[in-house]
Amino acid sequence: MKTLLSLLLFGVSTTAFAQQPAAETEAIKKTVTTFFDGMRRGDSTLVRSTLAPGVVLHTISNRNGNTQLGVEKTNDFLKAVGTPHTEVWDERITFERVLIDANLASVWTPYQFYLGSKFSHCGYDSFQLVKYTDGWKIVHIIDTRRKEKCQ
């Protein structure tokens, strides 16, 4: 009887753990999706709601064969998002990979960026998120940018 009870409890706990990652994955995807929804709407408040205090924004580019690491100040980025512009900033992503360990998540997404309906550039985004009491927040974004070899 103890063996049966142990098996039942183990089965229930395994099921609970198996369901948690799917729910967490969806919550993480929602945070990233909300970030890009805010960009498309020009809504810096919505974008800010997805960011942790002290978030770091990096861009990797290639100039004359040399790798460059650019740092963007969060307030400058939010100001640019919220400043009216004629074209919608439309970053189209695909969730290629979401990795989770406890309160840390890493998201890998290929993207294509459009200014309105005009293609601008593509690359990959890498997001690092931390789960706080009020949900998943982005603590670091780093991306690549190029105009060729896009999906």
C-alpha atoms as a PDB file:
ATOM      1  CA  MET A   1       0.000   0.000   0.000  1.00  0.00           C
ATOM      2  CA  LYS A   2       2.828   2.398   0.814  1.00  0.00           C
ATOM      3  CA  THR A   3       4.390   1.623  -2.560  1.00  0.00           C
ATOM      4  CA  LEU A   4       1.128   2.403  -4.366  1.00  0.00           C
ATOM      5  CA  LEU A   5       0.705   5.646  -2.409  1.00  0.00           C
ATOM      6  CA  SER A   6       4.319   6.620  -3.161  1.00  0.00           C
ATOM      7  CA  LEU A   7       3.811   5.941  -6.866  1.00  0.00           C
ATOM      8  CA  LEU A   8       0.620   7.995  -6.918  1.00  0.00           C
ATOM      9  CA  LEU A   9       2.277  10.922  -5.134  1.00  0.00           C
ATOM     10  CA  PHE A  10       5.295  10.709  -7.424  1.00  0.00           C
ATOM     11  CA  GLY A  11       2.998  10.682 -10.465  1.00  0.00           C
ATOM     12  CA  VAL A  12       1.102  13.743  -9.217  1.00  0.00           C
ATOM     13  CA  SER A  13       4.294  15.667  -8.429  1.00  0.00           C
ATOM     14  CA  THR A  14       5.798  14.769 -11.818  1.00  0.00           C
ATOM     15  CA  THR A  15       2.645  15.975 -13.559  1.00  0.00           C
ATOM     16  CA  ALA A  16       2.731  19.246 -11.608  1.00  0.00           C
ATOM     17  CA  PHE A  17       6.360  19.839 -12.578  1.00  0.00           C
ATOM     18  CA  ALA A  18       5.684  18.912 -16.200  1.00  0.00           C
ATOM     19  CA  GLN A  19       2.890  21.474 -16.425  1.00  0.00           C
ATOM     20  CA  GLN A  20       4.809  24.329 -14.812  1.00  0.00           C
ATOM     21  CA  PRO A  21       7.393  24.801 -17.582  1.00  0.00           C
ATOM     22  CA  ALA A  22       4.675  25.144 -20.243  1.00  0.00           C
ATOM     23  CA  ALA A  23       2.917  27.815 -18.171  1.00  0.00           C
ATOM     24  CA  GLU A  24       6.213  29.564 -17.450  1.00  0.00           C
ATOM     25  CA  THR A  25       7.209  29.384 -21.120  1.00  0.00           C
ATOM     26  CA  GLU A  26       3.940  31.073 -22.086  1.00  0.00           C
ATOM     27  CA  ALA A  27       4.412  33.769 -19.428  1.00  0.00           C
ATOM     28  CA  ILE A  28       7.931  34.446 -20.722  1.00  0.00           C
ATOM     29  CA  LYS A  29       6.706  34.607 -24.329  1.00  0.00           C
ATOM     30  CA  LYS A  30       3.972  37.017 -23.231  1.00  0.00           C
ATOM     31  CA  THR A  31       6.559  39.377 -21.723  1.00  0.00           C
ATOM     32  CA  VAL A  32       8.617  39.386 -24.937  1.00  0.00           C
ATOM     33  CA  THR A  33       5.512  39.730 -27.126  1.00  0.00           C
ATOM     34  CA  THR A  34       4.289  42.650 -24.989  1.00  0.00           C
ATOM     35  CA  PHE A  35       7.679  44.343 -25.458  1.00  0.00           C
ATOM     36  CA  PHE A  36       7.275  44.204 -29.258  1.00  0.00           C
ATOM     37  CA  ASP A  37       3.573  45.135 -29.114  1.00  0.00           C
ATOM     38  CA  GLY A  38       4.646  48.282 -27.262  1.00  0.00           C
ATOM     39  CA  MET A  39       7.218  49.058 -29.958  1.00  0.00           C
ATOM     40  CA  ARG A  40       4.620  48.624 -32.721  1.00  0.00           C
ATOM     41  CA  ARG A  41       2.175  50.915 -30.886  1.00  0.00           C
ATOM     42  CA  GLY A  42       4.823  53.505 -30.013  1.00  0.00           C
ATOM     43  CA  ASP A  43       3.866  52.928 -26.374  1.00  0.00           C
ATOM     44  CA  SER A  44       6.948  53.385 -24.202  1.00  0.00           C
ATOM     45  CA  THR A  45       4.923  52.742 -21.031  1.00  0.00           C
ATOM     46  CA  LEU A  46       3.954  49.297 -22.298  1.00  0.00           C
ATOM     47  CA  VAL A  47       7.572  48.563 -23.271  1.00  0.00           C
ATOM     48  CA  ARG A  48       8.806  49.802 -19.874  1.00  0.00           C
ATOM     49  CA  SER A  49       6.370  47.432 -18.113  1.00  0.00           C
ATOM     50  CA  THR A  50       8.350  44.481 -19.503  1.00  0.00           C
ATOM     51  CA  LEU A  51      11.756  45.739 -18.340  1.00  0.00           C
ATOM     52  CA  ALA A  52      13.510  45.150 -15.041  1.00  0.00           C
ATOM     53  CA  PRO A  53      15.252  48.030 -13.292  1.00  0.00           C
ATOM     54  CA  GLY A  54      18.793  48.262 -14.632  1.00  0.00           C
ATOM     55  CA  VAL A  55      18.010  46.470 -17.904  1.00  0.00           C
ATOM     56  CA  VAL A  56      20.932  46.385 -20.342  1.00  0.00           C
ATOM     57  CA  LEU A  57      20.470  46.831 -24.118  1.00  0.00           C
ATOM     58  CA  HIS A  58      23.243  45.745 -26.507  1.00  0.00           C
ATOM     59  CA  THR A  59      23.579  45.495 -30.283  1.00  0.00           C
ATOM     60  CA  ILE A  60      26.273  43.616 -32.158  1.00  0.00           C
ATOM     61  CA  SER A  61      27.160  44.978 -35.586  1.00  0.00           C
ATOM     62  CA  ASN A  62      29.909  44.525 -38.108  1.00  0.00           C
ATOM     63  CA  ARG A  63      31.684  47.581 -39.495  1.00  0.00           C
ATOM     64  CA  ASN A  64      34.418  47.115 -42.057  1.00  0.00           C
ATOM     65  CA  GLY A  65      34.910  43.523 -40.931  1.00  0.00           C
ATOM     66  CA  ASN A  66      35.194  44.482 -37.265  1.00  0.00           C
ATOM     67  CA  THR A  67      32.705  43.397 -34.632  1.00  0.00           C
ATOM     68  CA  GLN A  68      31.226  46.317 -32.732  1.00  0.00           C
ATOM     69  CA  LEU A  69      29.276  46.120 -29.470  1.00  0.00           C
ATOM     70  CA  GLY A  70      26.857  49.001 -29.060  1.00  0.00           C
ATOM     71  CA  VAL A  71      25.164  49.952 -25.810  1.00  0.00           C
ATOM     72  CA  GLU A  72      21.832  51.741 -25.852  1.00  0.00           C
ATOM     73  CA  LYS A  73      20.652  53.696 -22.842  1.00  0.00           C
ATOM     74  CA  THR A  74      17.256  52.462 -21.708  1.00  0.00           C
ATOM     75  CA  ASN A  75      15.764  55.942 -21.377  1.00  0.00           C
ATOM     76  CA  ASP A  76      16.971  56.880 -24.881  1.00  0.00           C
ATOM     77  CA  PHE A  77      15.391  53.730 -26.298  1.00  0.00           C
ATOM     78  CA  LEU A  78      12.097  54.346 -24.479  1.00  0.00           C
ATOM     79  CA  LYS A  79      12.070  57.982 -25.614  1.00  0.00           C
ATOM     80  CA  ALA A  80      12.612  56.860 -29.227  1.00  0.00           C
ATOM     81  CA  VAL A  81       9.776  54.321 -28.948  1.00  0.00           C
ATOM     82  CA  GLY A  82       7.397  56.880 -27.452  1.00  0.00           C
ATOM     83  CA  THR A  83       8.278  59.740 -29.806  1.00  0.00           C
ATOM     84  CA  PRO A  84       5.752  59.831 -32.659  1.00  0.00           C
ATOM     85  CA  HIS A  85       7.218  58.497 -35.886  1.00  0.00           C
ATOM     86  CA  THR A  86       5.602  58.108 -39.291  1.00  0.00           C
ATOM     87  CA  GLU A  87       6.417  54.409 -39.743  1.00  0.00           C
ATOM     88  CA  VAL A  88       5.420  51.591 -37.410  1.00  0.00           C
ATOM     89  CA  TRP A  89       8.406  49.791 -35.876  1.00  0.00           C
ATOM     90  CA  ASP A  90       7.440  46.213 -36.626  1.00  0.00           C
ATOM     91  CA  GLU A  91       9.859  43.592 -35.329  1.00  0.00           C
ATOM     92  CA  ARG A  92       8.577  40.173 -36.356  1.00  0.00           C
ATOM     93  CA  ILE A  93       9.976  37.364 -34.248  1.00  0.00           C
ATOM     94  CA  THR A  94       9.785  33.605 -34.035  1.00  0.00           C
ATOM     95  CA  PHE A  95      10.349  31.912 -30.687  1.00  0.00           C
ATOM     96  CA  GLU A  96      13.090  29.460 -31.570  1.00  0.00           C
ATOM     97  CA  ARG A  97      14.145  28.536 -28.053  1.00  0.00           C
ATOM     98  CA  VAL A  98      13.064  29.300 -24.487  1.00  0.00           C
ATOM     99  CA  LEU A  99      15.239  27.943 -21.677  1.00  0.00           C
ATOM    100  CA  ILE A 100      14.245  28.142 -18.017  1.00  0.00           C
ATOM    101  CA  ASP A 101      15.975  27.363 -14.747  1.00  0.00           C
ATOM    102  CA  ALA A 102      14.165  28.477 -11.625  1.00  0.00           C
ATOM    103  CA  ASN A 103      13.788  32.288 -11.929  1.00  0.00           C
ATOM    104  CA  LEU A 104      16.092  32.683 -14.940  1.00  0.00           C
ATOM    105  CA  ALA A 105      15.021  32.419 -18.571  1.00  0.00           C
ATOM    106  CA  SER A 106      16.830  32.805 -21.865  1.00  0.00           C
ATOM    107  CA  VAL A 107      14.934  33.432 -25.111  1.00  0.00           C
ATOM    108  CA  TRP A 108      16.423  33.118 -28.609  1.00  0.00           C
ATOM    109  CA  THR A 109      14.431  34.636 -31.474  1.00  0.00           C
ATOM    110  CA  PRO A 110      15.246  35.232 -35.120  1.00  0.00           C
ATOM    111  CA  TYR A 111      13.631  38.458 -36.317  1.00  0.00           C
ATOM    112  CA  GLN A 112      12.914  40.650 -39.288  1.00  0.00           C
ATOM    113  CA  PHE A 113      12.490  44.373 -38.696  1.00  0.00           C
ATOM    114  CA  TYR A 114      10.197  46.510 -40.835  1.00  0.00           C
ATOM    115  CA  LEU A 115       9.656  50.252 -40.898  1.00  0.00           C
ATOM    116  CA  GLY A 116       6.009  50.221 -41.846  1.00  0.00           C
ATOM    117  CA  SER A 117       5.830  47.739 -44.718  1.00  0.00           C
ATOM    118  CA  LYS A 118       9.472  48.264 -45.787  1.00  0.00           C
ATOM    119  CA  PHE A 119      12.053  45.668 -44.749  1.00  0.00           C
ATOM    120  CA  SER A 120      14.941  47.233 -42.806  1.00  0.00           C
ATOM    121  CA  HIS A 121      17.133  44.480 -41.341  1.00  0.00           C
ATOM    122  CA  CYS A 122      17.169  41.104 -39.642  1.00  0.00           C
ATOM    123  CA  GLY A 123      19.131  39.143 -37.081  1.00  0.00           C
ATOM    124  CA  TYR A 124      18.682  37.363 -33.789  1.00  0.00           C
ATOM    125  CA  ASP A 125      17.514  38.660 -30.419  1.00  0.00           C
ATOM    126  CA  SER A 126      18.714  37.103 -27.184  1.00  0.00           C
ATOM    127  CA  PHE A 127      16.698  37.979 -24.090  1.00  0.00           C
ATOM    128  CA  GLN A 128      17.581  37.241 -20.488  1.00  0.00           C
ATOM    129  CA  LEU A 129      14.641  37.418 -18.107  1.00  0.00           C
ATOM    130  CA  VAL A 130      14.255  37.128 -14.348  1.00  0.00           C
ATOM    131  CA  LYS A 131      11.056  36.152 -12.567  1.00  0.00           C
ATOM    132  CA  TYR A 132      10.114  38.695  -9.903  1.00  0.00           C
ATOM    133  CA  THR A 133       7.046  38.614  -7.641  1.00  0.00           C
ATOM    134  CA  ASP A 134       5.105  40.545 -10.317  1.00  0.00           C
ATOM    135  CA  GLY A 135       6.210  38.267 -13.166  1.00  0.00           C
ATOM    136  CA  TRP A 136       8.929  37.849 -15.775  1.00  0.00           C
ATOM    137  CA  LYS A 137      10.972  40.961 -16.614  1.00  0.00           C
ATOM    138  CA  ILE A 138      13.631  41.497 -19.250  1.00  0.00           C
ATOM    139  CA  VAL A 139      17.060  42.206 -17.714  1.00  0.00           C
ATOM    140  CA  HIS A 140      19.190  42.022 -20.873  1.00  0.00           C
ATOM    141  CA  ILE A 141      18.634  42.197 -24.614  1.00  0.00           C
ATOM    142  CA  ILE A 142      21.397  41.680 -27.128  1.00  0.00           C
ATOM    143  CA  ASP A 143      20.842  41.450 -30.862  1.00  0.00           C
ATOM    144  CA  THR A 144      22.597  41.130 -34.176  1.00  0.00           C
ATOM    145  CA  ARG A 145      21.687  43.274 -37.175  1.00  0.00           C
ATOM    146  CA  ARG A 146      22.253  42.680 -40.864  1.00  0.00           C
ATOM    147  CA  LYS A 147      20.544  43.236 -44.195  1.00  0.00           C
ATOM    148  CA  GLU A 148      21.537  39.985 -45.922  1.00  0.00           C
ATOM    149  CA  LYS A 149      21.157  36.282 -45.132  1.00  0.00           C
ATOM    150  CA  CYS A 150      17.726  36.881 -43.647  1.00  0.00           C
ATOM    151  CA  GLN A 151      15.138  34.138 -43.297  1.00  0.00           C
END
